[in-house]
Amino acid sequence: MILQDSTQQRAFGILANKCNVCHAQRNRGRVFTEENMNSWTNDIYQQVFIEKRMPKGKKTKLTSQEYQDLLTWVSYTKTQNNGI
């Protein structure tokens, strides 16, 4: 589906450029790929939107548009996985 593809592509761009930079150095078990990113949806939601722990540091700060793009992807993915 086009919506899913573009939403996922934007989200992966954010994960690759803002999250993987640090994860590749400090948390290699959680480097995001296009293949595994959907399996991390709940954790990303918890860390970014609930606990506001990620991303760490000022170098990788997310813009409001990036937050919105991630939230759109998380919401869409959770909806698809739960069949709602």
N, C-alpha and C. Protein backbone atom coordinates (compact mmCIF):
# COMPACT_ATOMS: atom_id res chain seq x y z
N MET A 1 0.84 -1.18 0.00
CA MET A 1 0.00 0.00 0.00
C MET A 1 0.89 1.24 0.00
N ILE A 2 0.52 2.25 -0.76
CA ILE A 2 1.35 3.45 -0.92
C ILE A 2 1.51 4.20 0.39
N LEU A 3 0.43 4.39 1.16
CA LEU A 3 0.52 5.09 2.44
C LEU A 3 1.52 4.41 3.36
N GLN A 4 1.39 3.10 3.46
CA GLN A 4 2.30 2.35 4.33
C GLN A 4 3.73 2.50 3.85
N ASP A 5 3.97 2.40 2.56
CA ASP A 5 5.32 2.49 2.02
C ASP A 5 5.94 3.85 2.29
N SER A 6 5.23 4.92 2.00
CA SER A 6 5.79 6.25 2.21
C SER A 6 5.95 6.57 3.69
N THR A 7 5.00 6.15 4.50
CA THR A 7 5.10 6.36 5.94
C THR A 7 6.29 5.60 6.50
N GLN A 8 6.44 4.36 6.09
CA GLN A 8 7.54 3.54 6.57
C GLN A 8 8.88 4.08 6.06
N GLN A 9 8.93 4.55 4.84
CA GLN A 9 10.17 5.10 4.31
C GLN A 9 10.61 6.34 5.07
N ARG A 10 9.66 7.23 5.37
CA ARG A 10 10.00 8.43 6.16
C ARG A 10 10.48 8.03 7.54
N ALA A 11 9.78 7.09 8.17
CA ALA A 11 10.18 6.63 9.51
C ALA A 11 11.55 5.99 9.47
N PHE A 12 11.81 5.17 8.47
CA PHE A 12 13.13 4.53 8.40
C PHE A 12 14.22 5.57 8.18
N GLY A 13 13.95 6.59 7.40
CA GLY A 13 14.93 7.65 7.22
C GLY A 13 15.30 8.29 8.54
N ILE A 14 14.31 8.51 9.39
CA ILE A 14 14.56 9.10 10.71
C ILE A 14 15.35 8.12 11.57
N LEU A 15 14.91 6.87 11.60
CA LEU A 15 15.61 5.87 12.41
C LEU A 15 17.06 5.70 11.95
N ALA A 16 17.27 5.69 10.64
CA ALA A 16 18.62 5.50 10.10
C ALA A 16 19.51 6.71 10.39
N ASN A 17 18.96 7.90 10.24
CA ASN A 17 19.78 9.11 10.36
C ASN A 17 19.88 9.66 11.78
N LYS A 18 18.90 9.43 12.60
CA LYS A 18 18.89 10.01 13.94
C LYS A 18 19.12 8.97 15.04
N CYS A 19 18.68 7.75 14.83
CA CYS A 19 18.78 6.74 15.88
C CYS A 19 19.97 5.80 15.69
N ASN A 20 20.15 5.31 14.48
CA ASN A 20 21.22 4.35 14.23
C ASN A 20 22.60 4.92 14.44
N VAL A 21 22.74 6.23 14.34
CA VAL A 21 24.03 6.87 14.56
C VAL A 21 24.57 6.49 15.94
N CYS A 22 23.73 6.59 16.93
CA CYS A 22 24.13 6.25 18.31
C CYS A 22 24.03 4.75 18.56
N HIS A 23 22.95 4.14 18.09
CA HIS A 23 22.75 2.71 18.34
C HIS A 23 23.89 1.88 17.77
N ALA A 24 24.43 2.26 16.64
CA ALA A 24 25.52 1.50 16.02
C ALA A 24 26.76 1.49 16.91
N GLN A 25 26.93 2.53 17.71
CA GLN A 25 28.08 2.61 18.60
C GLN A 25 27.79 2.05 19.99
N ARG A 26 26.58 2.27 20.50
CA ARG A 26 26.30 1.96 21.90
C ARG A 26 25.33 0.82 22.14
N ASN A 27 24.54 0.46 21.13
CA ASN A 27 23.51 -0.56 21.33
C ASN A 27 23.31 -1.32 20.03
N ARG A 28 24.33 -2.05 19.63
CA ARG A 28 24.32 -2.72 18.32
C ARG A 28 23.18 -3.70 18.13
N GLY A 29 22.63 -4.20 19.21
CA GLY A 29 21.51 -5.13 19.13
C GLY A 29 20.22 -4.46 18.70
N ARG A 30 20.24 -3.14 18.69
CA ARG A 30 19.03 -2.39 18.33
C ARG A 30 19.29 -1.41 17.20
N VAL A 31 20.05 -1.83 16.23
CA VAL A 31 20.22 -1.04 15.02
C VAL A 31 19.02 -1.34 14.13
N PHE A 32 18.37 -0.29 13.66
CA PHE A 32 17.14 -0.45 12.90
C PHE A 32 17.43 -0.67 11.42
N THR A 33 16.72 -1.63 10.85
CA THR A 33 16.76 -1.89 9.41
C THR A 33 15.33 -1.84 8.89
N GLU A 34 15.19 -1.79 7.59
CA GLU A 34 13.84 -1.80 7.03
C GLU A 34 13.14 -3.12 7.35
N GLU A 35 13.91 -4.18 7.52
CA GLU A 35 13.33 -5.48 7.80
C GLU A 35 12.89 -5.64 9.26
N ASN A 36 13.59 -5.00 10.20
CA ASN A 36 13.27 -5.23 11.61
C ASN A 36 12.53 -4.07 12.29
N MET A 37 12.42 -2.94 11.63
CA MET A 37 11.89 -1.75 12.30
C MET A 37 10.48 -1.92 12.84
N ASN A 38 9.62 -2.63 12.14
CA ASN A 38 8.25 -2.80 12.62
C ASN A 38 8.19 -3.62 13.90
N SER A 39 9.15 -4.49 14.11
CA SER A 39 9.15 -5.29 15.33
C SER A 39 9.52 -4.45 16.56
N TRP A 40 10.09 -3.27 16.35
CA TRP A 40 10.48 -2.38 17.44
C TRP A 40 9.45 -1.29 17.70
N THR A 41 8.32 -1.33 17.03
CA THR A 41 7.33 -0.26 17.13
C THR A 41 6.94 0.06 18.57
N ASN A 42 6.59 -0.95 19.35
CA ASN A 42 6.16 -0.71 20.74
C ASN A 42 7.28 -0.09 21.58
N ASP A 43 8.50 -0.59 21.41
CA ASP A 43 9.63 -0.04 22.17
C ASP A 43 9.93 1.39 21.76
N ILE A 44 9.88 1.67 20.47
CA ILE A 44 10.11 3.03 19.99
C ILE A 44 9.05 3.97 20.55
N TYR A 45 7.81 3.55 20.50
CA TYR A 45 6.73 4.38 21.05
C TYR A 45 6.97 4.68 22.53
N GLN A 46 7.33 3.65 23.28
CA GLN A 46 7.56 3.80 24.72
C GLN A 46 8.73 4.75 24.99
N GLN A 47 9.84 4.54 24.32
CA GLN A 47 11.05 5.32 24.59
C GLN A 47 10.97 6.75 24.08
N VAL A 48 10.34 6.96 22.93
CA VAL A 48 10.31 8.29 22.31
C VAL A 48 9.14 9.12 22.82
N PHE A 49 7.94 8.52 22.88
CA PHE A 49 6.75 9.30 23.15
C PHE A 49 6.25 9.23 24.59
N ILE A 50 6.45 8.12 25.27
CA ILE A 50 5.97 7.98 26.64
C ILE A 50 7.05 8.44 27.63
N GLU A 51 8.21 7.79 27.57
CA GLU A 51 9.27 8.11 28.52
C GLU A 51 10.14 9.28 28.08
N LYS A 52 10.06 9.63 26.80
CA LYS A 52 10.84 10.74 26.23
C LYS A 52 12.33 10.61 26.52
N ARG A 53 12.81 9.37 26.43
CA ARG A 53 14.23 9.09 26.68
C ARG A 53 15.07 9.12 25.42
N MET A 54 14.43 9.00 24.29
CA MET A 54 15.15 8.95 23.02
C MET A 54 14.60 10.03 22.09
N PRO A 55 15.43 10.52 21.24
CA PRO A 55 16.87 10.29 21.15
C PRO A 55 17.62 11.09 22.19
N LYS A 56 18.75 10.55 22.60
CA LYS A 56 19.58 11.22 23.59
C LYS A 56 20.49 12.24 22.91
N GLY A 57 20.82 13.25 23.63
CA GLY A 57 21.80 14.21 23.14
C GLY A 57 21.22 15.25 22.21
N LYS A 58 21.93 16.32 22.09
CA LYS A 58 21.47 17.44 21.26
C LYS A 58 21.79 17.23 19.78
N LYS A 59 22.74 16.38 19.48
CA LYS A 59 23.14 16.16 18.09
C LYS A 59 22.04 15.48 17.28
N THR A 60 21.25 14.65 17.92
CA THR A 60 20.25 13.87 17.20
C THR A 60 18.82 14.31 17.51
N LYS A 61 18.66 15.51 17.97
CA LYS A 61 17.34 16.01 18.31
C LYS A 61 16.39 15.90 17.12
N LEU A 62 15.17 15.45 17.39
CA LEU A 62 14.17 15.31 16.34
C LEU A 62 13.41 16.62 16.17
N THR A 63 13.08 16.92 14.92
CA THR A 63 12.23 18.08 14.65
C THR A 63 10.79 17.69 14.95
N SER A 64 9.92 18.67 15.03
CA SER A 64 8.51 18.36 15.27
C SER A 64 7.94 17.54 14.12
N GLN A 65 8.40 17.78 12.91
CA GLN A 65 7.93 16.99 11.76
C GLN A 65 8.41 15.55 11.88
N GLU A 66 9.63 15.34 12.33
CA GLU A 66 10.14 13.98 12.51
C GLU A 66 9.37 13.25 13.60
N TYR A 67 9.05 13.94 14.68
CA TYR A 67 8.21 13.33 15.72
C TYR A 67 6.86 12.92 15.12
N GLN A 68 6.27 13.80 14.34
CA GLN A 68 4.97 13.50 13.75
C GLN A 68 5.07 12.33 12.78
N ASP A 69 6.11 12.30 11.97
CA ASP A 69 6.29 11.19 11.02
C ASP A 69 6.46 9.87 11.76
N LEU A 70 7.24 9.86 12.83
CA LEU A 70 7.39 8.63 13.61
C LEU A 70 6.08 8.21 14.26
N LEU A 71 5.35 9.17 14.80
CA LEU A 71 4.07 8.85 15.44
C LEU A 71 3.08 8.31 14.42
N THR A 72 3.06 8.88 13.23
CA THR A 72 2.18 8.38 12.16
C THR A 72 2.54 6.94 11.82
N TRP A 73 3.82 6.65 11.68
CA TRP A 73 4.27 5.29 11.37
C TRP A 73 3.92 4.33 12.51
N VAL A 74 4.21 4.73 13.75
CA VAL A 74 3.90 3.88 14.90
C VAL A 74 2.40 3.58 14.96
N SER A 75 1.59 4.61 14.82
CA SER A 75 0.13 4.43 14.88
C SER A 75 -0.36 3.53 13.77
N TYR A 76 0.13 3.76 12.56
CA TYR A 76 -0.29 2.95 11.42
C TYR A 76 0.13 1.49 11.62
N THR A 77 1.36 1.28 12.04
CA THR A 77 1.88 -0.08 12.22
C THR A 77 1.13 -0.81 13.33
N LYS A 78 0.89 -0.13 14.44
CA LYS A 78 0.16 -0.75 15.55
C LYS A 78 -1.26 -1.10 15.13
N THR A 79 -1.89 -0.22 14.36
CA THR A 79 -3.25 -0.47 13.87
C THR A 79 -3.27 -1.69 12.96
N GLN A 80 -2.31 -1.78 12.05
CA GLN A 80 -2.25 -2.91 11.12
C GLN A 80 -1.98 -4.22 11.86
N ASN A 81 -1.10 -4.19 12.85
CA ASN A 81 -0.76 -5.40 13.59
C ASN A 81 -1.89 -5.87 14.48
N ASN A 82 -2.69 -4.95 14.96
CA ASN A 82 -3.80 -5.31 15.84
C ASN A 82 -5.11 -5.52 15.09
N GLY A 83 -5.10 -5.25 13.80
CA GLY A 83 -6.30 -5.46 13.00
C GLY A 83 -7.43 -4.52 13.32
N ILE A 84 -7.11 -3.36 13.86
CA ILE A 84 -8.15 -2.39 14.23
C ILE A 84 -8.55 -1.59 13.02
